[in-house]
Amino acid sequence: MVPAFAFLTFYSLLIILFASAYHILSQYTGRPHFYVGGSPQVLSFSESIYFSIVSISTVGYGDIVPHSSVARLLASIEVVCGFMLLLFGVSELLEYTRERREEDGKPRRPPRR
C-alpha cells in the first residue's frame, strides 16, 4: 500500500507543480501562451490543472493548446516526467509485490515454456 500511495502522491505533486507553472506563465507574461477553443487566452488555475492532467496522462484532447515555445517546452517536459514516473512506479510496485510474495513464503510460479 505504501508504494501505491507514494506513487499517487508524487504524481499529484507533479500535476500541481506543472499546473502552477502553466498558470504563472499564462498570467504574468505579456503575450498569450495558450489557445483555448482556438483563440489565445489566459488560463485560469482550474484550466491549468486540467491541461496538466491531460498532458501528463498523454491524452492530449486539443481543447487547450500550448502556443509559445516556452509552453510547449513545459508540456513536453511534463509528458516525459509523467512517462518516466509511470515506468518507475510500475517497476517499484512489481518489485514490492515480488518481495511480499517471497516474505510470505509463497512459491513463485515456474517460468512457462
PDB file of N, CA and C in Angstrom:
ATOM      1  N   MET A   1       0.816  -1.196   0.000  1.00  0.00           N
ATOM      2  CA  MET A   1       0.000   0.000   0.000  1.00  0.00           C
ATOM      3  C   MET A   1       0.862   1.264   0.000  1.00  0.00           C
ATOM      4  N   VAL A   2       1.993   1.204   0.668  1.00  0.00           N
ATOM      5  CA  VAL A   2       2.877   2.369   0.754  1.00  0.00           C
ATOM      6  C   VAL A   2       3.411   2.786  -0.618  1.00  0.00           C
ATOM      7  N   PRO A   3       3.896   1.856  -1.466  1.00  0.00           N
ATOM      8  CA  PRO A   3       4.376   2.281  -2.780  1.00  0.00           C
ATOM      9  C   PRO A   3       3.283   2.912  -3.641  1.00  0.00           C
ATOM     10  N   ALA A   4       2.074   2.380  -3.563  1.00  0.00           N
ATOM     11  CA  ALA A   4       0.973   2.954  -4.344  1.00  0.00           C
ATOM     12  C   ALA A   4       0.658   4.364  -3.858  1.00  0.00           C
ATOM     13  N   PHE A   5       0.663   4.555  -2.558  1.00  0.00           N
ATOM     14  CA  PHE A   5       0.401   5.888  -2.008  1.00  0.00           C
ATOM     15  C   PHE A   5       1.503   6.868  -2.400  1.00  0.00           C
ATOM     16  N   ALA A   6       2.749   6.421  -2.338  1.00  0.00           N
ATOM     17  CA  ALA A   6       3.872   7.280  -2.724  1.00  0.00           C
ATOM     18  C   ALA A   6       3.785   7.640  -4.202  1.00  0.00           C
ATOM     19  N   PHE A   7       3.434   6.678  -5.042  1.00  0.00           N
ATOM     20  CA  PHE A   7       3.282   6.932  -6.472  1.00  0.00           C
ATOM     21  C   PHE A   7       2.193   7.963  -6.733  1.00  0.00           C
ATOM     22  N   LEU A   8       1.034   7.776  -6.136  1.00  0.00           N
ATOM     23  CA  LEU A   8      -0.080   8.713  -6.348  1.00  0.00           C
ATOM     24  C   LEU A   8       0.233  10.101  -5.797  1.00  0.00           C
ATOM     25  N   THR A   9       0.931  10.154  -4.680  1.00  0.00           N
ATOM     26  CA  THR A   9       1.313  11.445  -4.100  1.00  0.00           C
ATOM     27  C   THR A   9       2.270  12.188  -5.022  1.00  0.00           C
ATOM     28  N   PHE A  10       3.290  11.494  -5.507  1.00  0.00           N
ATOM     29  CA  PHE A  10       4.260  12.142  -6.385  1.00  0.00           C
ATOM     30  C   PHE A  10       3.620  12.538  -7.708  1.00  0.00           C
ATOM     31  N   TYR A  11       2.739  11.710  -8.236  1.00  0.00           N
ATOM     32  CA  TYR A  11       2.006  12.020  -9.474  1.00  0.00           C
ATOM     33  C   TYR A  11       1.166  13.277  -9.285  1.00  0.00           C
ATOM     34  N   SER A  12       0.473  13.374  -8.154  1.00  0.00           N
ATOM     35  CA  SER A  12      -0.345  14.549  -7.852  1.00  0.00           C
ATOM     36  C   SER A  12       0.506  15.803  -7.694  1.00  0.00           C
ATOM     37  N   LEU A  13       1.658  15.660  -7.050  1.00  0.00           N
ATOM     38  CA  LEU A  13       2.555  16.806  -6.890  1.00  0.00           C
ATOM     39  C   LEU A  13       3.072  17.302  -8.232  1.00  0.00           C
ATOM     40  N   LEU A  14       3.383  16.387  -9.133  1.00  0.00           N
ATOM     41  CA  LEU A  14       3.820  16.786 -10.466  1.00  0.00           C
ATOM     42  C   LEU A  14       2.725  17.547 -11.199  1.00  0.00           C
ATOM     43  N   ILE A  15       1.496  17.077 -11.079  1.00  0.00           N
ATOM     44  CA  ILE A  15       0.369  17.754 -11.725  1.00  0.00           C
ATOM     45  C   ILE A  15       0.230  19.173 -11.190  1.00  0.00           C
ATOM     46  N   ILE A  16       0.277  19.331  -9.882  1.00  0.00           N
ATOM     47  CA  ILE A  16       0.122  20.654  -9.272  1.00  0.00           C
ATOM     48  C   ILE A  16       1.303  21.553  -9.616  1.00  0.00           C
ATOM     49  N   LEU A  17       2.516  21.013  -9.608  1.00  0.00           N
ATOM     50  CA  LEU A  17       3.702  21.800  -9.943  1.00  0.00           C
ATOM     51  C   LEU A  17       3.619  22.337 -11.367  1.00  0.00           C
ATOM     52  N   PHE A  18       3.321  21.477 -12.317  1.00  0.00           N
ATOM     53  CA  PHE A  18       3.232  21.925 -13.705  1.00  0.00           C
ATOM     54  C   PHE A  18       2.020  22.834 -13.927  1.00  0.00           C
ATOM     55  N   ALA A  19       0.910  22.568 -13.273  1.00  0.00           N
ATOM     56  CA  ALA A  19      -0.252  23.453 -13.392  1.00  0.00           C
ATOM     57  C   ALA A  19       0.094  24.846 -12.883  1.00  0.00           C
ATOM     58  N   SER A  20       0.834  24.920 -11.795  1.00  0.00           N
ATOM     59  CA  SER A  20       1.260  26.219 -11.270  1.00  0.00           C
ATOM     60  C   SER A  20       2.165  26.931 -12.269  1.00  0.00           C
ATOM     61  N   ALA A  21       3.073  26.189 -12.886  1.00  0.00           N
ATOM     62  CA  ALA A  21       3.964  26.784 -13.891  1.00  0.00           C
ATOM     63  C   ALA A  21       3.173  27.295 -15.082  1.00  0.00           C
ATOM     64  N   TYR A  22       2.179  26.539 -15.547  1.00  0.00           N
ATOM     65  CA  TYR A  22       1.333  26.992 -16.658  1.00  0.00           C
ATOM     66  C   TYR A  22       0.560  28.246 -16.275  1.00  0.00           C
ATOM     67  N   HIS A  23       0.028  28.236 -15.075  1.00  0.00           N
ATOM     68  CA  HIS A  23      -0.766  29.383 -14.616  1.00  0.00           C
ATOM     69  C   HIS A  23       0.104  30.638 -14.490  1.00  0.00           C
ATOM     70  N   ILE A  24       1.271  30.505 -13.904  1.00  0.00           N
ATOM     71  CA  ILE A  24       2.181  31.649 -13.768  1.00  0.00           C
ATOM     72  C   ILE A  24       2.605  32.149 -15.146  1.00  0.00           C
ATOM     73  N   LEU A  25       2.948  31.246 -16.031  1.00  0.00           N
ATOM     74  CA  LEU A  25       3.339  31.620 -17.381  1.00  0.00           C
ATOM     75  C   LEU A  25       2.211  32.346 -18.099  1.00  0.00           C
ATOM     76  N   SER A  26       1.015  31.860 -17.931  1.00  0.00           N
ATOM     77  CA  SER A  26      -0.134  32.448 -18.603  1.00  0.00           C
ATOM     78  C   SER A  26      -0.548  33.796 -18.012  1.00  0.00           C
ATOM     79  N   GLN A  27      -0.480  33.918 -16.688  1.00  0.00           N
ATOM     80  CA  GLN A  27      -0.970  35.120 -16.020  1.00  0.00           C
ATOM     81  C   GLN A  27       0.021  36.278 -16.047  1.00  0.00           C
ATOM     82  N   TYR A  28       1.289  35.994 -15.898  1.00  0.00           N
ATOM     83  CA  TYR A  28       2.246  37.057 -15.609  1.00  0.00           C
ATOM     84  C   TYR A  28       3.226  37.362 -16.734  1.00  0.00           C
ATOM     85  N   THR A  29       2.899  36.985 -17.933  1.00  0.00           N
ATOM     86  CA  THR A  29       3.703  37.374 -19.085  1.00  0.00           C
ATOM     87  C   THR A  29       2.822  38.173 -20.028  1.00  0.00           C
ATOM     88  N   GLY A  30       3.441  38.926 -20.887  1.00  0.00           N
ATOM     89  CA  GLY A  30       2.688  39.870 -21.711  1.00  0.00           C
ATOM     90  C   GLY A  30       2.020  39.299 -22.939  1.00  0.00           C
ATOM     91  N   ARG A  31       2.332  38.091 -23.315  1.00  0.00           N
ATOM     92  CA  ARG A  31       1.753  37.549 -24.542  1.00  0.00           C
ATOM     93  C   ARG A  31       1.031  36.240 -24.270  1.00  0.00           C
ATOM     94  N   PRO A  32       0.136  35.832 -25.158  1.00  0.00           N
ATOM     95  CA  PRO A  32      -0.592  34.576 -24.935  1.00  0.00           C
ATOM     96  C   PRO A  32       0.306  33.368 -25.169  1.00  0.00           C
ATOM     97  N   HIS A  33       0.201  32.411 -24.282  1.00  0.00           N
ATOM     98  CA  HIS A  33       0.986  31.184 -24.393  1.00  0.00           C
ATOM     99  C   HIS A  33       0.122  29.968 -24.694  1.00  0.00           C
ATOM    100  N   PHE A  34      -1.195  30.129 -24.576  1.00  0.00           N
ATOM    101  CA  PHE A  34      -2.110  29.006 -24.784  1.00  0.00           C
ATOM    102  C   PHE A  34      -3.299  29.436 -25.632  1.00  0.00           C
ATOM    103  N   TYR A  35      -3.772  28.511 -26.440  1.00  0.00           N
ATOM    104  CA  TYR A  35      -5.021  28.695 -27.174  1.00  0.00           C
ATOM    105  C   TYR A  35      -6.078  27.831 -26.494  1.00  0.00           C
ATOM    106  N   VAL A  36      -7.197  28.434 -26.195  1.00  0.00           N
ATOM    107  CA  VAL A  36      -8.324  27.709 -25.601  1.00  0.00           C
ATOM    108  C   VAL A  36      -9.492  27.856 -26.559  1.00  0.00           C
ATOM    109  N   GLY A  37      -9.929  26.753 -27.122  1.00  0.00           N
ATOM    110  CA  GLY A  37     -11.021  26.797 -28.084  1.00  0.00           C
ATOM    111  C   GLY A  37     -10.667  27.564 -29.343  1.00  0.00           C
ATOM    112  N   GLY A  38      -9.401  27.576 -29.715  1.00  0.00           N
ATOM    113  CA  GLY A  38      -8.978  28.210 -30.953  1.00  0.00           C
ATOM    114  C   GLY A  38      -8.581  29.669 -30.841  1.00  0.00           C
ATOM    115  N   SER A  39      -8.744  30.260 -29.669  1.00  0.00           N
ATOM    116  CA  SER A  39      -8.350  31.664 -29.508  1.00  0.00           C
ATOM    117  C   SER A  39      -7.376  31.803 -28.335  1.00  0.00           C
ATOM    118  N   PRO A  40      -6.431  32.756 -28.458  1.00  0.00           N
ATOM    119  CA  PRO A  40      -5.463  32.929 -27.369  1.00  0.00           C
ATOM    120  C   PRO A  40      -6.139  33.445 -26.111  1.00  0.00           C
ATOM    121  N   GLN A  41      -5.874  32.771 -24.984  1.00  0.00           N
ATOM    122  CA  GLN A  41      -6.490  33.161 -23.713  1.00  0.00           C
ATOM    123  C   GLN A  41      -5.522  32.933 -22.564  1.00  0.00           C
ATOM    124  N   VAL A  42      -5.802  33.601 -21.468  1.00  0.00           N
ATOM    125  CA  VAL A  42      -5.087  33.392 -20.216  1.00  0.00           C
ATOM    126  C   VAL A  42      -5.756  32.222 -19.496  1.00  0.00           C
ATOM    127  N   LEU A  43      -4.955  31.294 -18.999  1.00  0.00           N
ATOM    128  CA  LEU A  43      -5.508  30.125 -18.317  1.00  0.00           C
ATOM    129  C   LEU A  43      -5.838  30.442 -16.865  1.00  0.00           C
ATOM    130  N   SER A  44      -7.001  30.005 -16.424  1.00  0.00           N
ATOM    131  CA  SER A  44      -7.312  30.043 -15.003  1.00  0.00           C
ATOM    132  C   SER A  44      -6.578  28.874 -14.341  1.00  0.00           C
ATOM    133  N   PHE A  45      -6.550  28.850 -13.009  1.00  0.00           N
ATOM    134  CA  PHE A  45      -5.845  27.753 -12.351  1.00  0.00           C
ATOM    135  C   PHE A  45      -6.544  26.421 -12.603  1.00  0.00           C
ATOM    136  N   SER A  46      -7.866  26.419 -12.650  1.00  0.00           N
ATOM    137  CA  SER A  46      -8.579  25.162 -12.914  1.00  0.00           C
ATOM    138  C   SER A  46      -8.291  24.666 -14.333  1.00  0.00           C
ATOM    139  N   GLU A  47      -8.174  25.569 -15.299  1.00  0.00           N
ATOM    140  CA  GLU A  47      -7.806  25.165 -16.648  1.00  0.00           C
ATOM    141  C   GLU A  47      -6.362  24.654 -16.693  1.00  0.00           C
ATOM    142  N   SER A  48      -5.509  25.260 -15.876  1.00  0.00           N
ATOM    143  CA  SER A  48      -4.124  24.811 -15.801  1.00  0.00           C
ATOM    144  C   SER A  48      -4.032  23.397 -15.223  1.00  0.00           C
ATOM    145  N   ILE A  49      -4.820  23.123 -14.196  1.00  0.00           N
ATOM    146  CA  ILE A  49      -4.867  21.769 -13.621  1.00  0.00           C
ATOM    147  C   ILE A  49      -5.366  20.777 -14.668  1.00  0.00           C
ATOM    148  N   TYR A  50      -6.431  21.141 -15.356  1.00  0.00           N
ATOM    149  CA  TYR A  50      -6.996  20.285 -16.393  1.00  0.00           C
ATOM    150  C   TYR A  50      -5.960  20.008 -17.487  1.00  0.00           C
ATOM    151  N   PHE A  51      -5.285  21.059 -17.962  1.00  0.00           N
ATOM    152  CA  PHE A  51      -4.276  20.888 -19.010  1.00  0.00           C
ATOM    153  C   PHE A  51      -3.122  20.020 -18.503  1.00  0.00           C
ATOM    154  N   SER A  52      -2.737  20.186 -17.260  1.00  0.00           N
ATOM    155  CA  SER A  52      -1.665  19.392 -16.681  1.00  0.00           C
ATOM    156  C   SER A  52      -2.038  17.911 -16.621  1.00  0.00           C
ATOM    157  N   ILE A  53      -3.253  17.614 -16.212  1.00  0.00           N
ATOM    158  CA  ILE A  53      -3.713  16.221 -16.148  1.00  0.00           C
ATOM    159  C   ILE A  53      -3.771  15.608 -17.541  1.00  0.00           C
ATOM    160  N   VAL A  54      -4.294  16.356 -18.497  1.00  0.00           N
ATOM    161  CA  VAL A  54      -4.391  15.858 -19.871  1.00  0.00           C
ATOM    162  C   VAL A  54      -3.000  15.643 -20.459  1.00  0.00           C
ATOM    163  N   SER A  55      -2.064  16.526 -20.125  1.00  0.00           N
ATOM    164  CA  SER A  55      -0.704  16.398 -20.660  1.00  0.00           C
ATOM    165  C   SER A  55       0.057  15.248 -20.025  1.00  0.00           C
ATOM    166  N   ILE A  56       0.019  15.142 -18.698  1.00  0.00           N
ATOM    167  CA  ILE A  56       0.807  14.105 -18.023  1.00  0.00           C
ATOM    168  C   ILE A  56       0.272  12.706 -18.336  1.00  0.00           C
ATOM    169  N   SER A  57      -1.001  12.618 -18.649  1.00  0.00           N
ATOM    170  CA  SER A  57      -1.574  11.320 -19.000  1.00  0.00           C
ATOM    171  C   SER A  57      -1.408  11.018 -20.489  1.00  0.00           C
ATOM    172  N   THR A  58      -0.839  11.939 -21.234  1.00  0.00           N
ATOM    173  CA  THR A  58      -0.598  11.856 -22.682  1.00  0.00           C
ATOM    174  C   THR A  58      -1.877  11.670 -23.493  1.00  0.00           C
ATOM    175  N   VAL A  59      -2.997  12.149 -22.957  1.00  0.00           N
ATOM    176  CA  VAL A  59      -4.255  12.073 -23.691  1.00  0.00           C
ATOM    177  C   VAL A  59      -4.291  13.147 -24.779  1.00  0.00           C
ATOM    178  N   GLY A  60      -4.062  14.394 -24.403  1.00  0.00           N
ATOM    179  CA  GLY A  60      -3.983  15.483 -25.362  1.00  0.00           C
ATOM    180  C   GLY A  60      -5.255  15.719 -26.151  1.00  0.00           C
ATOM    181  N   TYR A  61      -6.313  16.162 -25.505  1.00  0.00           N
ATOM    182  CA  TYR A  61      -7.584  16.390 -26.184  1.00  0.00           C
ATOM    183  C   TYR A  61      -7.501  17.475 -27.256  1.00  0.00           C
ATOM    184  N   GLY A  62      -6.676  18.491 -27.063  1.00  0.00           N
ATOM    185  CA  GLY A  62      -6.538  19.548 -28.055  1.00  0.00           C
ATOM    186  C   GLY A  62      -7.422  20.746 -27.830  1.00  0.00           C
ATOM    187  N   ASP A  63      -8.198  20.760 -26.750  1.00  0.00           N
ATOM    188  CA  ASP A  63      -9.029  21.936 -26.477  1.00  0.00           C
ATOM    189  C   ASP A  63      -8.216  23.074 -25.873  1.00  0.00           C
ATOM    190  N   ILE A  64      -7.119  22.755 -25.199  1.00  0.00           N
ATOM    191  CA  ILE A  64      -6.141  23.741 -24.736  1.00  0.00           C
ATOM    192  C   ILE A  64      -4.813  23.349 -25.377  1.00  0.00           C
ATOM    193  N   VAL A  65      -4.228  24.298 -26.122  1.00  0.00           N
ATOM    194  CA  VAL A  65      -3.024  24.004 -26.888  1.00  0.00           C
ATOM    195  C   VAL A  65      -1.936  24.996 -26.512  1.00  0.00           C
ATOM    196  N   PRO A  66      -0.735  24.513 -26.184  1.00  0.00           N
ATOM    197  CA  PRO A  66       0.363  25.444 -25.931  1.00  0.00           C
ATOM    198  C   PRO A  66       0.763  26.126 -27.239  1.00  0.00           C
ATOM    199  N   HIS A  67       0.932  27.445 -27.177  1.00  0.00           N
ATOM    200  CA  HIS A  67       1.217  28.208 -28.384  1.00  0.00           C
ATOM    201  C   HIS A  67       2.668  28.666 -28.450  1.00  0.00           C
ATOM    202  N   SER A  68       3.233  29.066 -27.346  1.00  0.00           N
ATOM    203  CA  SER A  68       4.602  29.580 -27.339  1.00  0.00           C
ATOM    204  C   SER A  68       5.602  28.440 -27.157  1.00  0.00           C
ATOM    205  N   SER A  69       6.842  28.732 -27.455  1.00  0.00           N
ATOM    206  CA  SER A  69       7.906  27.733 -27.292  1.00  0.00           C
ATOM    207  C   SER A  69       8.081  27.338 -25.836  1.00  0.00           C
ATOM    208  N   VAL A  70       7.952  28.311 -24.937  1.00  0.00           N
ATOM    209  CA  VAL A  70       8.104  28.028 -23.512  1.00  0.00           C
ATOM    210  C   VAL A  70       7.001  27.083 -23.028  1.00  0.00           C
ATOM    211  N   ALA A  71       5.775  27.349 -23.438  1.00  0.00           N
ATOM    212  CA  ALA A  71       4.654  26.495 -23.033  1.00  0.00           C
ATOM    213  C   ALA A  71       4.798  25.093 -23.613  1.00  0.00           C
ATOM    214  N   ARG A  72       5.239  25.002 -24.855  1.00  0.00           N
ATOM    215  CA  ARG A  72       5.454  23.688 -25.471  1.00  0.00           C
ATOM    216  C   ARG A  72       6.574  22.924 -24.763  1.00  0.00           C
ATOM    217  N   LEU A  73       7.640  23.636 -24.400  1.00  0.00           N
ATOM    218  CA  LEU A  73       8.734  23.002 -23.676  1.00  0.00           C
ATOM    219  C   LEU A  73       8.263  22.465 -22.327  1.00  0.00           C
ATOM    220  N   LEU A  74       7.498  23.271 -21.591  1.00  0.00           N
ATOM    221  CA  LEU A  74       6.957  22.817 -20.299  1.00  0.00           C
ATOM    222  C   LEU A  74       6.076  21.588 -20.465  1.00  0.00           C
ATOM    223  N   ALA A  75       5.206  21.615 -21.466  1.00  0.00           N
ATOM    224  CA  ALA A  75       4.311  20.478 -21.701  1.00  0.00           C
ATOM    225  C   ALA A  75       5.110  19.233 -22.076  1.00  0.00           C
ATOM    226  N   SER A  76       6.149  19.407 -22.873  1.00  0.00           N
ATOM    227  CA  SER A  76       6.988  18.270 -23.260  1.00  0.00           C
ATOM    228  C   SER A  76       7.710  17.679 -22.058  1.00  0.00           C
ATOM    229  N   ILE A  77       8.238  18.543 -21.215  1.00  0.00           N
ATOM    230  CA  ILE A  77       8.920  18.074 -20.000  1.00  0.00           C
ATOM    231  C   ILE A  77       7.936  17.335 -19.103  1.00  0.00           C
ATOM    232  N   GLU A  78       6.709  17.842 -19.004  1.00  0.00           N
ATOM    233  CA  GLU A  78       5.711  17.173 -18.171  1.00  0.00           C
ATOM    234  C   GLU A  78       5.376  15.787 -18.703  1.00  0.00           C
ATOM    235  N   VAL A  79       5.243  15.660 -20.014  1.00  0.00           N
ATOM    236  CA  VAL A  79       4.937  14.353 -20.601  1.00  0.00           C
ATOM    237  C   VAL A  79       6.058  13.361 -20.307  1.00  0.00           C
ATOM    238  N   VAL A  80       7.304  13.793 -20.476  1.00  0.00           N
ATOM    239  CA  VAL A  80       8.445  12.906 -20.207  1.00  0.00           C
ATOM    240  C   VAL A  80       8.490  12.530 -18.724  1.00  0.00           C
ATOM    241  N   CYS A  81       8.282  13.512 -17.848  1.00  0.00           N
ATOM    242  CA  CYS A  81       8.269  13.227 -16.401  1.00  0.00           C
ATOM    243  C   CYS A  81       7.152  12.253 -16.043  1.00  0.00           C
ATOM    244  N   GLY A  82       5.983  12.451 -16.607  1.00  0.00           N
ATOM    245  CA  GLY A  82       4.857  11.563 -16.332  1.00  0.00           C
ATOM    246  C   GLY A  82       5.107  10.151 -16.811  1.00  0.00           C
ATOM    247  N   PHE A  83       5.701  10.045 -18.001  1.00  0.00           N
ATOM    248  CA  PHE A  83       6.003   8.723 -18.544  1.00  0.00           C
ATOM    249  C   PHE A  83       7.059   8.008 -17.703  1.00  0.00           C
ATOM    250  N   MET A  84       8.101   8.739 -17.328  1.00  0.00           N
ATOM    251  CA  MET A  84       9.159   8.150 -16.507  1.00  0.00           C
ATOM    252  C   MET A  84       8.621   7.748 -15.128  1.00  0.00           C
ATOM    253  N   LEU A  85       7.787   8.601 -14.539  1.00  0.00           N
ATOM    254  CA  LEU A  85       7.194   8.273 -13.250  1.00  0.00           C
ATOM    255  C   LEU A  85       6.337   7.016 -13.356  1.00  0.00           C
ATOM    256  N   LEU A  86       5.599   6.900 -14.425  1.00  0.00           N
ATOM    257  CA  LEU A  86       4.771   5.716 -14.624  1.00  0.00           C
ATOM    258  C   LEU A  86       5.632   4.460 -14.743  1.00  0.00           C
ATOM    259  N   LEU A  87       6.713   4.546 -15.507  1.00  0.00           N
ATOM    260  CA  LEU A  87       7.611   3.390 -15.637  1.00  0.00           C
ATOM    261  C   LEU A  87       8.244   3.010 -14.306  1.00  0.00           C
ATOM    262  N   PHE A  88       8.788   3.996 -13.596  1.00  0.00           N
ATOM    263  CA  PHE A  88       9.414   3.708 -12.308  1.00  0.00           C
ATOM    264  C   PHE A  88       8.382   3.268 -11.280  1.00  0.00           C
ATOM    265  N   GLY A  89       7.210   3.863 -11.313  1.00  0.00           N
ATOM    266  CA  GLY A  89       6.158   3.493 -10.367  1.00  0.00           C
ATOM    267  C   GLY A  89       5.703   2.059 -10.535  1.00  0.00           C
ATOM    268  N   VAL A  90       5.460   1.664 -11.774  1.00  0.00           N
ATOM    269  CA  VAL A  90       5.048   0.286 -12.037  1.00  0.00           C
ATOM    270  C   VAL A  90       6.170  -0.677 -11.658  1.00  0.00           C
ATOM    271  N   SER A  91       7.401  -0.304 -11.974  1.00  0.00           N
ATOM    272  CA  SER A  91       8.545  -1.144 -11.610  1.00  0.00           C
ATOM    273  C   SER A  91       8.628  -1.336 -10.097  1.00  0.00           C
ATOM    274  N   GLU A  92       8.471  -0.259  -9.334  1.00  0.00           N
ATOM    275  CA  GLU A  92       8.527  -0.354  -7.873  1.00  0.00           C
ATOM    276  C   GLU A  92       7.373  -1.178  -7.314  1.00  0.00           C
ATOM    277  N   LEU A  93       6.183  -1.001  -7.879  1.00  0.00           N
ATOM    278  CA  LEU A  93       5.035  -1.788  -7.418  1.00  0.00           C
ATOM    279  C   LEU A  93       5.250  -3.276  -7.681  1.00  0.00           C
ATOM    280  N   LEU A  94       5.795  -3.611  -8.839  1.00  0.00           N
ATOM    281  CA  LEU A  94       6.077  -5.018  -9.139  1.00  0.00           C
ATOM    282  C   LEU A  94       7.155  -5.571  -8.216  1.00  0.00           C
ATOM    283  N   GLU A  95       8.175  -4.783  -7.939  1.00  0.00           N
ATOM    284  CA  GLU A  95       9.239  -5.208  -7.029  1.00  0.00           C
ATOM    285  C   GLU A  95       8.695  -5.419  -5.616  1.00  0.00           C
ATOM    286  N   TYR A  96       7.843  -4.506  -5.178  1.00  0.00           N
ATOM    287  CA  TYR A  96       7.232  -4.620  -3.852  1.00  0.00           C
ATOM    288  C   TYR A  96       6.378  -5.882  -3.771  1.00  0.00           C
ATOM    289  N   THR A  97       5.624  -6.153  -4.820  1.00  0.00           N
ATOM    290  CA  THR A  97       4.783  -7.349  -4.842  1.00  0.00           C
ATOM    291  C   THR A  97       5.640  -8.609  -4.795  1.00  0.00           C
ATOM    292  N   ARG A  98       6.740  -8.613  -5.542  1.00  0.00           N
ATOM    293  CA  ARG A  98       7.635  -9.764  -5.551  1.00  0.00           C
ATOM    294  C   ARG A  98       8.245  -9.995  -4.167  1.00  0.00           C
ATOM    295  N   GLU A  99       8.684  -8.916  -3.512  1.00  0.00           N
ATOM    296  CA  GLU A  99       9.265  -9.039  -2.175  1.00  0.00           C
ATOM    297  C   GLU A  99       8.243  -9.549  -1.169  1.00  0.00           C
ATOM    298  N   ARG A 100       7.030  -9.060  -1.251  1.00  0.00           N
ATOM    299  CA  ARG A 100       5.982  -9.518  -0.325  1.00  0.00           C
ATOM    300  C   ARG A 100       5.681 -10.994  -0.533  1.00  0.00           C
ATOM    301  N   ARG A 101       5.673 -11.411  -1.772  1.00  0.00           N
ATOM    302  CA  ARG A 101       5.407 -12.809  -2.077  1.00  0.00           C
ATOM    303  C   ARG A 101       6.494 -13.700  -1.484  1.00  0.00           C
ATOM    304  N   GLU A 102       7.740 -13.265  -1.597  1.00  0.00           N
ATOM    305  CA  GLU A 102       8.849 -14.040  -1.037  1.00  0.00           C
ATOM    306  C   GLU A 102       8.812 -14.045   0.488  1.00  0.00           C
ATOM    307  N   GLU A 103       8.408 -12.926   1.108  1.00  0.00           N
ATOM    308  CA  GLU A 103       8.308 -12.866   2.569  1.00  0.00           C
ATOM    309  C   GLU A 103       7.221 -13.782   3.091  1.00  0.00           C
ATOM    310  N   ASP A 104       6.139 -13.900   2.343  1.00  0.00           N
ATOM    311  CA  ASP A 104       5.027 -14.747   2.769  1.00  0.00           C
ATOM    312  C   ASP A 104       5.323 -16.230   2.558  1.00  0.00           C
ATOM    313  N   GLY A 105       6.403 -16.520   1.876  1.00  0.00           N
ATOM    314  CA  GLY A 105       6.779 -17.911   1.668  1.00  0.00           C
ATOM    315  C   GLY A 105       6.032 -18.581   0.539  1.00  0.00           C
ATOM    316  N   LYS A 106       5.312 -17.826  -0.240  1.00  0.00           N
ATOM    317  CA  LYS A 106       4.611 -18.429  -1.373  1.00  0.00           C
ATOM    318  C   LYS A 106       5.618 -18.715  -2.473  1.00  0.00           C
ATOM    319  N   PRO A 107       5.530 -19.898  -3.011  1.00  0.00           N
ATOM    320  CA  PRO A 107       6.470 -20.219  -4.099  1.00  0.00           C
ATOM    321  C   PRO A 107       6.126 -19.394  -5.346  1.00  0.00           C
ATOM    322  N   ARG A 108       7.175 -19.056  -6.041  1.00  0.00           N
ATOM    323  CA  ARG A 108       6.978 -18.335  -7.297  1.00  0.00           C
ATOM    324  C   ARG A 108       6.559 -19.321  -8.359  1.00  0.00           C
ATOM    325  N   ARG A 109       5.806 -18.830  -9.312  1.00  0.00           N
ATOM    326  CA  ARG A 109       5.401 -19.696 -10.418  1.00  0.00           C
ATOM    327  C   ARG A 109       6.620 -20.039 -11.271  1.00  0.00           C
ATOM    328  N   PRO A 110       6.704 -21.284 -11.682  1.00  0.00           N
ATOM    329  CA  PRO A 110       7.825 -21.635 -12.591  1.00  0.00           C
ATOM    330  C   PRO A 110       7.620 -20.936 -13.936  1.00  0.00           C
ATOM    331  N   PRO A 111       8.702 -20.630 -14.630  1.00  0.00           N
ATOM    332  CA  PRO A 111       8.560 -19.978 -15.926  1.00  0.00           C
ATOM    333  C   PRO A 111       7.839 -20.871 -16.926  1.00  0.00           C
ATOM    334  N   ARG A 112       7.039 -20.255 -17.755  1.00  0.00           N
ATOM    335  CA  ARG A 112       6.320 -21.017 -18.785  1.00  0.00           C
ATOM    336  C   ARG A 112       7.270 -21.359 -19.913  1.00  0.00           C
ATOM    337  N   ARG A 113       7.007 -22.498 -20.484  1.00  0.00           N
ATOM    338  CA  ARG A 113       7.864 -22.935 -21.601  1.00  0.00           C
ATOM    339  C   ARG A 113       7.124 -22.859 -22.884  1.00  0.00           C
TER     340      ARG A 113
END
